[in-house]
PDB file of N, CA and C in Angstrom:
ATOM      1  N   MET A   1       0.820  -1.192   0.000  1.00  0.00           N
ATOM      2  CA  MET A   1       0.000   0.000   0.000  1.00  0.00           C
ATOM      3  C   MET A   1       0.867   1.260   0.000  1.00  0.00           C
ATOM      4  N   PHE A   2       1.847   1.306   0.902  1.00  0.00           N
ATOM      5  CA  PHE A   2       2.708   2.475   0.982  1.00  0.00           C
ATOM      6  C   PHE A   2       4.033   2.264   0.260  1.00  0.00           C
ATOM      7  N   GLY A   3       4.124   1.242  -0.557  1.00  0.00           N
ATOM      8  CA  GLY A   3       5.363   0.942  -1.252  1.00  0.00           C
ATOM      9  C   GLY A   3       5.772   2.017  -2.233  1.00  0.00           C
ATOM     10  N   SER A   4       4.827   2.748  -2.765  1.00  0.00           N
ATOM     11  CA  SER A   4       5.160   3.761  -3.755  1.00  0.00           C
ATOM     12  C   SER A   4       5.473   5.115  -3.132  1.00  0.00           C
ATOM     13  N   ILE A   5       5.311   5.256  -1.820  1.00  0.00           N
ATOM     14  CA  ILE A   5       5.619   6.516  -1.158  1.00  0.00           C
ATOM     15  C   ILE A   5       7.077   6.477  -0.718  1.00  0.00           C
ATOM     16  N   GLY A   6       7.839   7.436  -1.204  1.00  0.00           N
ATOM     17  CA  GLY A   6       9.257   7.498  -0.880  1.00  0.00           C
ATOM     18  C   GLY A   6       9.550   8.548   0.171  1.00  0.00           C
ATOM     19  N   VAL A   7      10.827   8.744   0.419  1.00  0.00           N
ATOM     20  CA  VAL A   7      11.272   9.701   1.431  1.00  0.00           C
ATOM     21  C   VAL A   7      10.879  11.118   1.020  1.00  0.00           C
ATOM     22  N   PHE A   8      11.055  11.450  -0.240  1.00  0.00           N
ATOM     23  CA  PHE A   8      10.716  12.790  -0.706  1.00  0.00           C
ATOM     24  C   PHE A   8       9.233  13.100  -0.482  1.00  0.00           C
ATOM     25  N   GLU A   9       8.374  12.139  -0.754  1.00  0.00           N
ATOM     26  CA  GLU A   9       6.943  12.345  -0.573  1.00  0.00           C
ATOM     27  C   GLU A   9       6.594  12.537   0.898  1.00  0.00           C
ATOM     28  N   LEU A  10       7.229  11.771   1.777  1.00  0.00           N
ATOM     29  CA  LEU A  10       6.978  11.916   3.213  1.00  0.00           C
ATOM     30  C   LEU A  10       7.422  13.284   3.719  1.00  0.00           C
ATOM     31  N   ILE A  11       8.574  13.758   3.239  1.00  0.00           N
ATOM     32  CA  ILE A  11       9.063  15.083   3.626  1.00  0.00           C
ATOM     33  C   ILE A  11       8.110  16.154   3.117  1.00  0.00           C
ATOM     34  N   LEU A  12       7.630  16.003   1.899  1.00  0.00           N
ATOM     35  CA  LEU A  12       6.688  16.967   1.328  1.00  0.00           C
ATOM     36  C   LEU A  12       5.394  17.006   2.135  1.00  0.00           C
ATOM     37  N   ILE A  13       4.891  15.863   2.535  1.00  0.00           N
ATOM     38  CA  ILE A  13       3.683  15.806   3.360  1.00  0.00           C
ATOM     39  C   ILE A  13       3.926  16.488   4.703  1.00  0.00           C
ATOM     40  N   LEU A  14       5.069  16.242   5.311  1.00  0.00           N
ATOM     41  CA  LEU A  14       5.403  16.863   6.589  1.00  0.00           C
ATOM     42  C   LEU A  14       5.465  18.382   6.466  1.00  0.00           C
ATOM     43  N   VAL A  15       6.065  18.880   5.409  1.00  0.00           N
ATOM     44  CA  VAL A  15       6.152  20.329   5.188  1.00  0.00           C
ATOM     45  C   VAL A  15       4.756  20.930   5.018  1.00  0.00           C
ATOM     46  N   ILE A  16       3.904  20.266   4.272  1.00  0.00           N
ATOM     47  CA  ILE A  16       2.540  20.762   4.074  1.00  0.00           C
ATOM     48  C   ILE A  16       1.782  20.798   5.394  1.00  0.00           C
ATOM     49  N   VAL A  17       1.939  19.756   6.214  1.00  0.00           N
ATOM     50  CA  VAL A  17       1.262  19.721   7.518  1.00  0.00           C
ATOM     51  C   VAL A  17       1.753  20.853   8.404  1.00  0.00           C
ATOM     52  N   ILE A  18       3.051  21.100   8.400  1.00  0.00           N
ATOM     53  CA  ILE A  18       3.606  22.189   9.210  1.00  0.00           C
ATOM     54  C   ILE A  18       3.072  23.535   8.734  1.00  0.00           C
ATOM     55  N   LEU A  19       2.981  23.721   7.431  1.00  0.00           N
ATOM     56  CA  LEU A  19       2.449  24.974   6.902  1.00  0.00           C
ATOM     57  C   LEU A  19       0.972  25.153   7.239  1.00  0.00           C
ATOM     58  N   LEU A  20       0.211  24.081   7.198  1.00  0.00           N
ATOM     59  CA  LEU A  20      -1.220  24.180   7.477  1.00  0.00           C
ATOM     60  C   LEU A  20      -1.518  24.435   8.956  1.00  0.00           C
ATOM     61  N   PHE A  21      -0.855  23.717   9.828  1.00  0.00           N
ATOM     62  CA  PHE A  21      -1.188  23.782  11.244  1.00  0.00           C
ATOM     63  C   PHE A  21      -0.246  24.649  12.062  1.00  0.00           C
ATOM     64  N   GLY A  22       0.933  24.900  11.568  1.00  0.00           N
ATOM     65  CA  GLY A  22       1.906  25.673  12.325  1.00  0.00           C
ATOM     66  C   GLY A  22       2.660  24.795  13.299  1.00  0.00           C
ATOM     67  N   ALA A  23       3.881  25.185  13.580  1.00  0.00           N
ATOM     68  CA  ALA A  23       4.743  24.380  14.441  1.00  0.00           C
ATOM     69  C   ALA A  23       4.225  24.310  15.877  1.00  0.00           C
ATOM     70  N   LYS A  24       3.534  25.346  16.333  1.00  0.00           N
ATOM     71  CA  LYS A  24       3.047  25.365  17.714  1.00  0.00           C
ATOM     72  C   LYS A  24       1.863  24.438  17.920  1.00  0.00           C
ATOM     73  N   LYS A  25       1.090  24.184  16.883  1.00  0.00           N
ATOM     74  CA  LYS A  25      -0.103  23.353  17.005  1.00  0.00           C
ATOM     75  C   LYS A  25       0.183  21.863  16.816  1.00  0.00           C
ATOM     76  N   LEU A  26       1.337  21.509  16.307  1.00  0.00           N
ATOM     77  CA  LEU A  26       1.636  20.098  16.029  1.00  0.00           C
ATOM     78  C   LEU A  26       1.611  19.216  17.275  1.00  0.00           C
ATOM     79  N   PRO A  27       2.192  19.631  18.417  1.00  0.00           N
ATOM     80  CA  PRO A  27       2.091  18.769  19.602  1.00  0.00           C
ATOM     81  C   PRO A  27       0.649  18.544  20.057  1.00  0.00           C
ATOM     82  N   GLU A  28      -0.169  19.584  19.974  1.00  0.00           N
ATOM     83  CA  GLU A  28      -1.572  19.435  20.354  1.00  0.00           C
ATOM     84  C   GLU A  28      -2.289  18.500  19.384  1.00  0.00           C
ATOM     85  N   LEU A  29      -1.973  18.616  18.116  1.00  0.00           N
ATOM     86  CA  LEU A  29      -2.577  17.756  17.107  1.00  0.00           C
ATOM     87  C   LEU A  29      -2.174  16.297  17.327  1.00  0.00           C
ATOM     88  N   GLY A  30      -0.913  16.072  17.655  1.00  0.00           N
ATOM     89  CA  GLY A  30      -0.440  14.719  17.941  1.00  0.00           C
ATOM     90  C   GLY A  30      -1.106  14.123  19.167  1.00  0.00           C
ATOM     91  N   LYS A  31      -1.274  14.941  20.199  1.00  0.00           N
ATOM     92  CA  LYS A  31      -1.916  14.467  21.425  1.00  0.00           C
ATOM     93  C   LYS A  31      -3.377  14.107  21.161  1.00  0.00           C
ATOM     94  N   ALA A  32      -4.063  14.950  20.423  1.00  0.00           N
ATOM     95  CA  ALA A  32      -5.465  14.680  20.111  1.00  0.00           C
ATOM     96  C   ALA A  32      -5.603  13.426  19.258  1.00  0.00           C
ATOM     97  N   THR A  33      -4.693  13.233  18.319  1.00  0.00           N
ATOM     98  CA  THR A  33      -4.721  12.039  17.477  1.00  0.00           C
ATOM     99  C   THR A  33      -4.485  10.786  18.307  1.00  0.00           C
ATOM    100  N   GLY A  34      -3.537  10.848  19.225  1.00  0.00           N
ATOM    101  CA  GLY A  34      -3.255   9.710  20.096  1.00  0.00           C
ATOM    102  C   GLY A  34      -4.443   9.350  20.978  1.00  0.00           C
ATOM    103  N   GLN A  35      -5.091  10.361  21.540  1.00  0.00           N
ATOM    104  CA  GLN A  35      -6.259  10.101  22.377  1.00  0.00           C
ATOM    105  C   GLN A  35      -7.395   9.501  21.559  1.00  0.00           C
ATOM    106  N   THR A  36      -7.568   9.997  20.346  1.00  0.00           N
ATOM    107  CA  THR A  36      -8.617   9.469  19.479  1.00  0.00           C
ATOM    108  C   THR A  36      -8.363   8.007  19.144  1.00  0.00           C
ATOM    109  N   LEU A  37      -7.129   7.677  18.801  1.00  0.00           N
ATOM    110  CA  LEU A  37      -6.793   6.293  18.483  1.00  0.00           C
ATOM    111  C   LEU A  37      -6.973   5.386  19.689  1.00  0.00           C
ATOM    112  N   ARG A  38      -6.600   5.860  20.874  1.00  0.00           N
ATOM    113  CA  ARG A  38      -6.745   5.068  22.094  1.00  0.00           C
ATOM    114  C   ARG A  38      -8.219   4.787  22.374  1.00  0.00           C
ATOM    115  N   LEU A  39      -9.057   5.807  22.241  1.00  0.00           N
ATOM    116  CA  LEU A  39     -10.489   5.607  22.462  1.00  0.00           C
ATOM    117  C   LEU A  39     -11.096   4.671  21.422  1.00  0.00           C
ATOM    118  N   PHE A  40     -10.641   4.780  20.190  1.00  0.00           N
ATOM    119  CA  PHE A  40     -11.139   3.909  19.132  1.00  0.00           C
ATOM    120  C   PHE A  40     -10.769   2.457  19.413  1.00  0.00           C
ATOM    121  N   ARG A  41      -9.523   2.227  19.822  1.00  0.00           N
ATOM    122  CA  ARG A  41      -9.094   0.855  20.139  1.00  0.00           C
ATOM    123  C   ARG A  41      -9.889   0.284  21.304  1.00  0.00           C
ATOM    124  N   GLN A  42     -10.153   1.112  22.309  1.00  0.00           N
ATOM    125  CA  GLN A  42     -10.937   0.641  23.448  1.00  0.00           C
ATOM    126  C   GLN A  42     -12.352   0.295  23.026  1.00  0.00           C
ATOM    127  N   ALA A  43     -12.923   1.096  22.165  1.00  0.00           N
ATOM    128  CA  ALA A  43     -14.289   0.833  21.709  1.00  0.00           C
ATOM    129  C   ALA A  43     -14.352  -0.438  20.872  1.00  0.00           C
ATOM    130  N   VAL A  44     -13.344  -0.661  20.042  1.00  0.00           N
ATOM    131  CA  VAL A  44     -13.328  -1.848  19.194  1.00  0.00           C
ATOM    132  C   VAL A  44     -13.119  -3.102  20.029  1.00  0.00           C
ATOM    133  N   SER A  45     -12.234  -3.034  21.008  1.00  0.00           N
ATOM    134  CA  SER A  45     -11.942  -4.213  21.815  1.00  0.00           C
ATOM    135  C   SER A  45     -13.017  -4.478  22.867  1.00  0.00           C
ATOM    136  N   GLY A  46     -13.842  -3.491  23.158  1.00  0.00           N
ATOM    137  CA  GLY A  46     -14.903  -3.670  24.138  1.00  0.00           C
ATOM    138  C   GLY A  46     -14.485  -3.375  25.560  1.00  0.00           C
ATOM    139  N   LYS A  47     -13.256  -2.915  25.775  1.00  0.00           N
ATOM    140  CA  LYS A  47     -12.797  -2.616  27.127  1.00  0.00           C
ATOM    141  C   LYS A  47     -13.593  -1.478  27.740  1.00  0.00           C
ATOM    142  N   ASP A  48     -13.950  -0.499  26.935  1.00  0.00           N
ATOM    143  CA  ASP A  48     -14.686   0.647  27.439  1.00  0.00           C
ATOM    144  C   ASP A  48     -16.037   0.224  28.000  1.00  0.00           C
ATOM    145  N   SER A  49     -16.727  -0.631  27.280  1.00  0.00           N
ATOM    146  CA  SER A  49     -18.043  -1.064  27.757  1.00  0.00           C
ATOM    147  C   SER A  49     -17.922  -1.914  29.018  1.00  0.00           C
ATOM    148  N   GLU A  50     -16.863  -2.710  29.124  1.00  0.00           N
ATOM    149  CA  GLU A  50     -16.658  -3.521  30.328  1.00  0.00           C
ATOM    150  C   GLU A  50     -16.373  -2.638  31.533  1.00  0.00           C
ATOM    151  N   GLU A  51     -15.583  -1.580  31.344  1.00  0.00           N
ATOM    152  CA  GLU A  51     -15.278  -0.681  32.449  1.00  0.00           C
ATOM    153  C   GLU A  51     -16.532   0.056  32.906  1.00  0.00           C
ATOM    154  N   ASN A  52     -17.367   0.459  31.964  1.00  0.00           N
ATOM    155  CA  ASN A  52     -18.607   1.141  32.332  1.00  0.00           C
ATOM    156  C   ASN A  52     -19.527   0.223  33.106  1.00  0.00           C
ATOM    157  N   LYS A  53     -19.588  -1.059  32.724  1.00  0.00           N
ATOM    158  CA  LYS A  53     -20.422  -2.022  33.434  1.00  0.00           C
ATOM    159  C   LYS A  53     -19.941  -2.178  34.863  1.00  0.00           C
ATOM    160  N   GLU A  54     -18.608  -2.240  35.059  1.00  0.00           N
ATOM    161  CA  GLU A  54     -18.052  -2.389  36.391  1.00  0.00           C
ATOM    162  C   GLU A  54     -18.340  -1.171  37.250  1.00  0.00           C
ATOM    163  N   LYS A  55     -18.249   0.004  36.675  1.00  0.00           N
ATOM    164  CA  LYS A  55     -18.525   1.236  37.426  1.00  0.00           C
ATOM    165  C   LYS A  55     -19.992   1.293  37.838  1.00  0.00           C
ATOM    166  N   LYS A  56     -20.875   0.867  36.967  1.00  0.00           N
ATOM    167  CA  LYS A  56     -22.296   0.882  37.286  1.00  0.00           C
ATOM    168  C   LYS A  56     -22.622  -0.102  38.397  1.00  0.00           C
ATOM    169  N   LYS A  57     -21.915  -1.247  38.425  1.00  0.00           N
ATOM    170  CA  LYS A  57     -22.134  -2.234  39.484  1.00  0.00           C
ATOM    171  C   LYS A  57     -21.704  -1.704  40.828  1.00  0.00           C
ATOM    172  N   GLU A  58     -20.615  -0.916  40.854  1.00  0.00           N
ATOM    173  CA  GLU A  58     -20.096  -0.360  42.086  1.00  0.00           C
ATOM    174  C   GLU A  58     -21.035   0.691  42.661  1.00  0.00           C
ATOM    175  N   GLU A  59     -21.757   1.380  41.816  1.00  0.00           N
ATOM    176  CA  GLU A  59     -22.654   2.451  42.288  1.00  0.00           C
ATOM    177  C   GLU A  59     -23.873   1.835  42.805  1.00  0.00           C
TER     178      GLU A  59
END
């Protein structure tokens, strides 16, 4: 899938992202992306629903 993307293309994509979001916003963007992926993985694996069930039992 990514076999045709070379180093030059990756650098070009990085430059475009920096121009669009600015260097100051990149850490915030990375953090938000990481949190989104973590929540998505939890939802897919079902861990989130299991934790909610346990919390409801405790209440």
